[in-house]
């Protein structure tokens, strides 16, 4: 799986150094840092809730997209989490450290780090070419032992797992191996 980042000038200068996609991987370290949450995907609200567990200094930027429902916006307002719907022009900072978010309408927001609800897609085309069924997050849909929607094809690792974390990918690969061996033994025994 690979992250598909929003088309915002400068975003690649900060991704992985002061902008991240996983609150569980990087949320605690940013607990006292003024944050932006760029809500660009279907799982934006979930991500904001997770980040708010560690940090109350969050501003959500939808970048002009309708990524939050009216009900979600009401909940955020009750939690005093600001939502800015303006389109982002560029991100600026130095040496991978975010400093300023500039909007197309001329406004600026000063934030030191943040999260992006990045979209995910398969890094290689084989799942699509094979006609494998995908999950809502873009991973290959499997049963608990890596069996895909096509008999005899198995998937493991981060192309099937969610969320895409190394430890989960390794576990999914191990479970897929168990599925392969189990099915092979059942056929030949």
C-alpha atoms as a PDB file:
ATOM      1  CA  UNK A   1       0.000   0.000   0.000  1.00  0.00           C
ATOM      2  CA  UNK A   2       1.102   3.552  -0.593  1.00  0.00           C
ATOM      3  CA  UNK A   3      -0.171   6.857   0.714  1.00  0.00           C
ATOM      4  CA  UNK A   4      -1.775   9.220  -1.787  1.00  0.00           C
ATOM      5  CA  UNK A   5      -1.295  12.716  -0.420  1.00  0.00           C
ATOM      6  CA  UNK A   6      -3.471  15.726  -1.237  1.00  0.00           C
ATOM      7  CA  UNK A   7      -2.227  17.935  -4.068  1.00  0.00           C
ATOM      8  CA  UNK A   8      -0.855  20.724  -1.868  1.00  0.00           C
ATOM      9  CA  UNK A   9       2.350  22.563  -2.697  1.00  0.00           C
ATOM     10  CA  UNK A  10       5.111  21.656  -0.252  1.00  0.00           C
ATOM     11  CA  UNK A  11       3.363  18.699   1.371  1.00  0.00           C
ATOM     12  CA  UNK A  12       6.145  16.257   0.444  1.00  0.00           C
ATOM     13  CA  UNK A  13       8.693  18.458   2.255  1.00  0.00           C
ATOM     14  CA  UNK A  14       7.004  17.698   5.586  1.00  0.00           C
ATOM     15  CA  UNK A  15       5.469  14.235   5.214  1.00  0.00           C
ATOM     16  CA  UNK A  16       7.247  11.857   7.546  1.00  0.00           C
ATOM     17  CA  UNK A  17       9.060  14.584   9.488  1.00  0.00           C
ATOM     18  CA  UNK A  18       6.342  16.892  10.846  1.00  0.00           C
ATOM     19  CA  UNK A  19       3.213  15.670   8.985  1.00  0.00           C
ATOM     20  CA  UNK A  20       2.091  12.094   9.549  1.00  0.00           C
ATOM     21  CA  UNK A  21      -0.793   9.785   8.732  1.00  0.00           C
ATOM     22  CA  UNK A  22      -0.943   7.581  11.837  1.00  0.00           C
ATOM     23  CA  UNK A  23      -1.928   8.991  15.240  1.00  0.00           C
ATOM     24  CA  UNK A  24      -0.871   5.738  16.904  1.00  0.00           C
ATOM     25  CA  UNK A  25       2.635   5.961  15.475  1.00  0.00           C
ATOM     26  CA  UNK A  26       3.238   9.682  16.046  1.00  0.00           C
ATOM     27  CA  UNK A  27       0.423  11.119  18.192  1.00  0.00           C
ATOM     28  CA  UNK A  28       2.057  10.845  21.590  1.00  0.00           C
ATOM     29  CA  UNK A  29       5.244  12.581  20.446  1.00  0.00           C
ATOM     30  CA  UNK A  30       3.167  15.536  19.225  1.00  0.00           C
ATOM     31  CA  UNK A  31       0.971  15.820  22.327  1.00  0.00           C
ATOM     32  CA  UNK A  32       2.104  19.358  23.211  1.00  0.00           C
ATOM     33  CA  UNK A  33       2.498  20.662  19.660  1.00  0.00           C
ATOM     34  CA  UNK A  34      -0.012  22.945  17.869  1.00  0.00           C
ATOM     35  CA  UNK A  35      -1.437  20.640  15.180  1.00  0.00           C
ATOM     36  CA  UNK A  36      -3.197  20.801  11.856  1.00  0.00           C
ATOM     37  CA  UNK A  37      -5.266  17.849  10.710  1.00  0.00           C
ATOM     38  CA  UNK A  38      -5.716  17.864   6.933  1.00  0.00           C
ATOM     39  CA  UNK A  39      -9.013  16.034   6.484  1.00  0.00           C
ATOM     40  CA  UNK A  40      -8.809  14.698   2.955  1.00  0.00           C
ATOM     41  CA  UNK A  41     -10.267  11.211   3.194  1.00  0.00           C
ATOM     42  CA  UNK A  42     -13.153   9.071   4.324  1.00  0.00           C
ATOM     43  CA  UNK A  43     -11.512   8.289   7.662  1.00  0.00           C
ATOM     44  CA  UNK A  44     -10.833  11.927   8.621  1.00  0.00           C
ATOM     45  CA  UNK A  45     -13.268  12.089  11.530  1.00  0.00           C
ATOM     46  CA  UNK A  46     -11.904   8.864  13.024  1.00  0.00           C
ATOM     47  CA  UNK A  47      -8.352  10.214  12.740  1.00  0.00           C
ATOM     48  CA  UNK A  48      -9.267  13.501  14.406  1.00  0.00           C
ATOM     49  CA  UNK A  49     -10.866  11.633  17.302  1.00  0.00           C
ATOM     50  CA  UNK A  50      -7.702   9.579  17.775  1.00  0.00           C
ATOM     51  CA  UNK A  51      -5.417  12.634  17.678  1.00  0.00           C
ATOM     52  CA  UNK A  52      -7.672  14.509  20.136  1.00  0.00           C
ATOM     53  CA  UNK A  53      -6.922  11.797  22.679  1.00  0.00           C
ATOM     54  CA  UNK A  54      -3.411  13.276  23.057  1.00  0.00           C
ATOM     55  CA  UNK A  55      -3.762  16.862  21.910  1.00  0.00           C
ATOM     56  CA  UNK A  56      -6.465  19.510  22.321  1.00  0.00           C
ATOM     57  CA  UNK A  57      -4.672  22.131  20.172  1.00  0.00           C
ATOM     58  CA  UNK A  58      -5.963  20.894  16.797  1.00  0.00           C
ATOM     59  CA  UNK A  59      -7.372  22.740  13.808  1.00  0.00           C
ATOM     60  CA  UNK A  60      -8.983  20.676  11.063  1.00  0.00           C
ATOM     61  CA  UNK A  61      -8.537  21.849   7.491  1.00  0.00           C
ATOM     62  CA  UNK A  62     -10.827  20.245   4.933  1.00  0.00           C
ATOM     63  CA  UNK A  63      -8.965  21.852   2.022  1.00  0.00           C
ATOM     64  CA  UNK A  64     -12.324  22.729   0.473  1.00  0.00           C
ATOM     65  CA  UNK A  65     -13.501  19.090   0.442  1.00  0.00           C
ATOM     66  CA  UNK A  66     -16.681  17.677   1.953  1.00  0.00           C
ATOM     67  CA  UNK A  67     -14.897  15.154   4.168  1.00  0.00           C
ATOM     68  CA  UNK A  68     -16.997  15.754   7.295  1.00  0.00           C
ATOM     69  CA  UNK A  69     -20.741  15.213   7.676  1.00  0.00           C
ATOM     70  CA  UNK A  70     -22.977  17.805   9.389  1.00  0.00           C
ATOM     71  CA  UNK A  71     -23.279  15.465  12.403  1.00  0.00           C
ATOM     72  CA  UNK A  72     -19.490  15.163  12.641  1.00  0.00           C
ATOM     73  CA  UNK A  73     -19.134  18.937  12.410  1.00  0.00           C
ATOM     74  CA  UNK A  74     -21.618  19.343  15.283  1.00  0.00           C
ATOM     75  CA  UNK A  75     -19.607  16.952  17.447  1.00  0.00           C
ATOM     76  CA  UNK A  76     -16.371  18.798  16.632  1.00  0.00           C
ATOM     77  CA  UNK A  77     -17.974  22.130  17.503  1.00  0.00           C
ATOM     78  CA  UNK A  78     -19.097  20.744  20.877  1.00  0.00           C
ATOM     79  CA  UNK A  79     -15.525  19.575  21.481  1.00  0.00           C
ATOM     80  CA  UNK A  80     -14.297  23.085  20.519  1.00  0.00           C
ATOM     81  CA  UNK A  81     -12.261  21.767  17.590  1.00  0.00           C
ATOM     82  CA  UNK A  82     -12.089  24.418  14.857  1.00  0.00           C
ATOM     83  CA  UNK A  83     -12.806  23.408  11.255  1.00  0.00           C
ATOM     84  CA  UNK A  84     -11.440  25.537   8.393  1.00  0.00           C
ATOM     85  CA  UNK A  85     -12.963  24.802   4.982  1.00  0.00           C
ATOM     86  CA  UNK A  86     -10.673  27.057   2.924  1.00  0.00           C
ATOM     87  CA  UNK A  87      -8.483  25.513   0.224  1.00  0.00           C
ATOM     88  CA  UNK A  88      -4.815  25.226   1.109  1.00  0.00           C
ATOM     89  CA  UNK A  89      -2.375  26.912  -1.271  1.00  0.00           C
ATOM     90  CA  UNK A  90       0.918  25.718   0.223  1.00  0.00           C
ATOM     91  CA  UNK A  91       2.711  24.485   3.300  1.00  0.00           C
ATOM     92  CA  UNK A  92       5.899  26.251   4.369  1.00  0.00           C
ATOM     93  CA  UNK A  93       8.699  25.639   6.832  1.00  0.00           C
ATOM     94  CA  UNK A  94      12.347  24.621   6.970  1.00  0.00           C
ATOM     95  CA  UNK A  95      14.249  21.343   7.144  1.00  0.00           C
ATOM     96  CA  UNK A  96      11.086  19.240   7.226  1.00  0.00           C
ATOM     97  CA  UNK A  97       9.561  21.299  10.033  1.00  0.00           C
ATOM     98  CA  UNK A  98       6.144  22.748   9.210  1.00  0.00           C
ATOM     99  CA  UNK A  99       5.645  26.382  10.225  1.00  0.00           C
ATOM    100  CA  UNK A 100       2.882  27.945   8.110  1.00  0.00           C
ATOM    101  CA  UNK A 101      -0.215  26.857   6.219  1.00  0.00           C
ATOM    102  CA  UNK A 102      -1.140  29.373   3.521  1.00  0.00           C
ATOM    103  CA  UNK A 103      -4.665  29.340   2.131  1.00  0.00           C
ATOM    104  CA  UNK A 104      -5.765  30.401  -1.357  1.00  0.00           C
ATOM    105  CA  UNK A 105      -7.823  33.247   0.149  1.00  0.00           C
ATOM    106  CA  UNK A 106      -4.658  34.792   1.672  1.00  0.00           C
ATOM    107  CA  UNK A 107      -5.171  33.632   5.267  1.00  0.00           C
ATOM    108  CA  UNK A 108      -2.338  31.945   7.147  1.00  0.00           C
ATOM    109  CA  UNK A 109      -2.285  29.458   9.982  1.00  0.00           C
ATOM    110  CA  UNK A 110       0.784  28.782  12.126  1.00  0.00           C
ATOM    111  CA  UNK A 111       1.133  25.123  13.080  1.00  0.00           C
ATOM    112  CA  UNK A 112       4.236  23.107  13.880  1.00  0.00           C
ATOM    113  CA  UNK A 113       3.095  19.617  12.898  1.00  0.00           C
ATOM    114  CA  UNK A 114       0.065  17.623  11.980  1.00  0.00           C
ATOM    115  CA  UNK A 115      -1.688  14.690  10.457  1.00  0.00           C
ATOM    116  CA  UNK A 116      -3.102  13.905   7.057  1.00  0.00           C
ATOM    117  CA  UNK A 117      -5.985  11.565   6.455  1.00  0.00           C
ATOM    118  CA  UNK A 118      -4.157  10.176   3.429  1.00  0.00           C
ATOM    119  CA  UNK A 119      -5.884   7.944   0.936  1.00  0.00           C
ATOM    120  CA  UNK A 120      -4.304   4.545   0.371  1.00  0.00           C
ATOM    121  CA  UNK A 121      -3.945   2.527  -2.798  1.00  0.00           C
ATOM    122  CA  UNK A 122      -2.125  -0.544  -3.969  1.00  0.00           C
ATOM    123  CA  UNK A 123       1.508   0.215  -4.842  1.00  0.00           C
ATOM    124  CA  UNK A 124       1.537  -2.466  -7.571  1.00  0.00           C
ATOM    125  CA  UNK A 125      -1.200  -3.257 -10.105  1.00  0.00           C
ATOM    126  CA  UNK A 126      -1.406  -7.034  -9.579  1.00  0.00           C
ATOM    127  CA  UNK A 127      -4.536  -6.992  -7.354  1.00  0.00           C
ATOM    128  CA  UNK A 128      -6.474  -5.067  -9.979  1.00  0.00           C
ATOM    129  CA  UNK A 129      -5.105  -7.194 -12.837  1.00  0.00           C
ATOM    130  CA  UNK A 130      -6.095 -10.391 -11.016  1.00  0.00           C
ATOM    131  CA  UNK A 131      -9.558  -9.005 -10.261  1.00  0.00           C
ATOM    132  CA  UNK A 132      -9.193  -9.330  -6.489  1.00  0.00           C
ATOM    133  CA  UNK A 133     -11.816  -7.752  -4.274  1.00  0.00           C
ATOM    134  CA  UNK A 134     -10.544  -4.760  -2.261  1.00  0.00           C
ATOM    135  CA  UNK A 135     -11.538  -3.344   1.124  1.00  0.00           C
ATOM    136  CA  UNK A 136     -12.864   0.192   1.667  1.00  0.00           C
ATOM    137  CA  UNK A 137      -9.307   1.233   2.597  1.00  0.00           C
ATOM    138  CA  UNK A 138      -7.858  -0.143  -0.659  1.00  0.00           C
ATOM    139  CA  UNK A 139      -6.315  -3.313   0.774  1.00  0.00           C
ATOM    140  CA  UNK A 140      -6.894  -6.756  -0.711  1.00  0.00           C
ATOM    141  CA  UNK A 141      -9.897  -8.328   0.996  1.00  0.00           C
ATOM    142  CA  UNK A 142      -8.945 -11.569   2.751  1.00  0.00           C
ATOM    143  CA  UNK A 143     -10.274 -14.013   5.293  1.00  0.00           C
ATOM    144  CA  UNK A 144      -8.331 -14.500   8.561  1.00  0.00           C
ATOM    145  CA  UNK A 145      -5.844 -16.787   6.748  1.00  0.00           C
ATOM    146  CA  UNK A 146      -5.039 -14.636   3.735  1.00  0.00           C
ATOM    147  CA  UNK A 147      -7.458 -16.259   1.282  1.00  0.00           C
ATOM    148  CA  UNK A 148      -8.635 -13.708  -1.279  1.00  0.00           C
ATOM    149  CA  UNK A 149     -11.821 -13.584  -3.343  1.00  0.00           C
ATOM    150  CA  UNK A 150     -10.161 -15.921  -5.895  1.00  0.00           C
ATOM    151  CA  UNK A 151      -9.438 -19.518  -4.860  1.00  0.00           C
ATOM    152  CA  UNK A 152      -5.725 -20.272  -4.740  1.00  0.00           C
ATOM    153  CA  UNK A 153      -4.621 -16.648  -4.411  1.00  0.00           C
ATOM    154  CA  UNK A 154      -3.472 -15.441  -0.994  1.00  0.00           C
ATOM    155  CA  UNK A 155      -2.440 -12.033   0.271  1.00  0.00           C
ATOM    156  CA  UNK A 156      -0.527 -10.953   3.320  1.00  0.00           C
ATOM    157  CA  UNK A 157       1.483  -7.988   4.480  1.00  0.00           C
ATOM    158  CA  UNK A 158       0.409  -4.397   4.142  1.00  0.00           C
ATOM    159  CA  UNK A 159      -1.329  -4.946   0.794  1.00  0.00           C
ATOM    160  CA  UNK A 160      -4.065  -6.772   2.707  1.00  0.00           C
ATOM    161  CA  UNK A 161      -3.785  -5.532   6.278  1.00  0.00           C
ATOM    162  CA  UNK A 162      -5.150  -2.405   7.784  1.00  0.00           C
ATOM    163  CA  UNK A 163      -3.871  -0.262   9.294  1.00  0.00           C
ATOM    164  CA  UNK A 164      -0.598  -0.542   7.375  1.00  0.00           C
ATOM    165  CA  UNK A 165       1.947  -1.054  10.126  1.00  0.00           C
ATOM    166  CA  UNK A 166       5.007  -3.281   9.956  1.00  0.00           C
ATOM    167  CA  UNK A 167       4.064  -5.474  12.897  1.00  0.00           C
ATOM    168  CA  UNK A 168       0.541  -6.026  11.532  1.00  0.00           C
ATOM    169  CA  UNK A 169       1.884  -6.720   8.033  1.00  0.00           C
ATOM    170  CA  UNK A 170       4.265  -9.364   9.416  1.00  0.00           C
ATOM    171  CA  UNK A 171       1.424 -10.986  11.331  1.00  0.00           C
ATOM    172  CA  UNK A 172      -0.830 -10.975   8.246  1.00  0.00           C
ATOM    173  CA  UNK A 173       1.978 -12.574   6.209  1.00  0.00           C
ATOM    174  CA  UNK A 174       2.341 -15.329   8.798  1.00  0.00           C
ATOM    175  CA  UNK A 175      -1.415 -15.979   8.814  1.00  0.00           C
ATOM    176  CA  UNK A 176      -1.457 -16.109   4.992  1.00  0.00           C
ATOM    177  CA  UNK A 177       1.357 -18.689   5.085  1.00  0.00           C
ATOM    178  CA  UNK A 178      -0.730 -20.783   7.478  1.00  0.00           C
ATOM    179  CA  UNK A 179      -3.662 -20.518   5.047  1.00  0.00           C
ATOM    180  CA  UNK A 180      -1.526 -21.629   2.088  1.00  0.00           C
ATOM    181  CA  UNK A 181      -0.081 -24.639   3.922  1.00  0.00           C
ATOM    182  CA  UNK A 182      -3.442 -25.612   5.407  1.00  0.00           C
ATOM    183  CA  UNK A 183      -5.146 -25.531   2.007  1.00  0.00           C
ATOM    184  CA  UNK A 184      -2.266 -27.427   0.363  1.00  0.00           C
ATOM    185  CA  UNK A 185      -2.386 -30.165   3.019  1.00  0.00           C
ATOM    186  CA  UNK A 186      -6.180 -30.420   2.747  1.00  0.00           C
ATOM    187  CA  UNK A 187      -5.915 -30.925  -1.028  1.00  0.00           C
ATOM    188  CA  UNK A 188      -3.205 -33.563  -0.843  1.00  0.00           C
ATOM    189  CA  UNK A 189      -4.051 -35.489   2.341  1.00  0.00           C
END
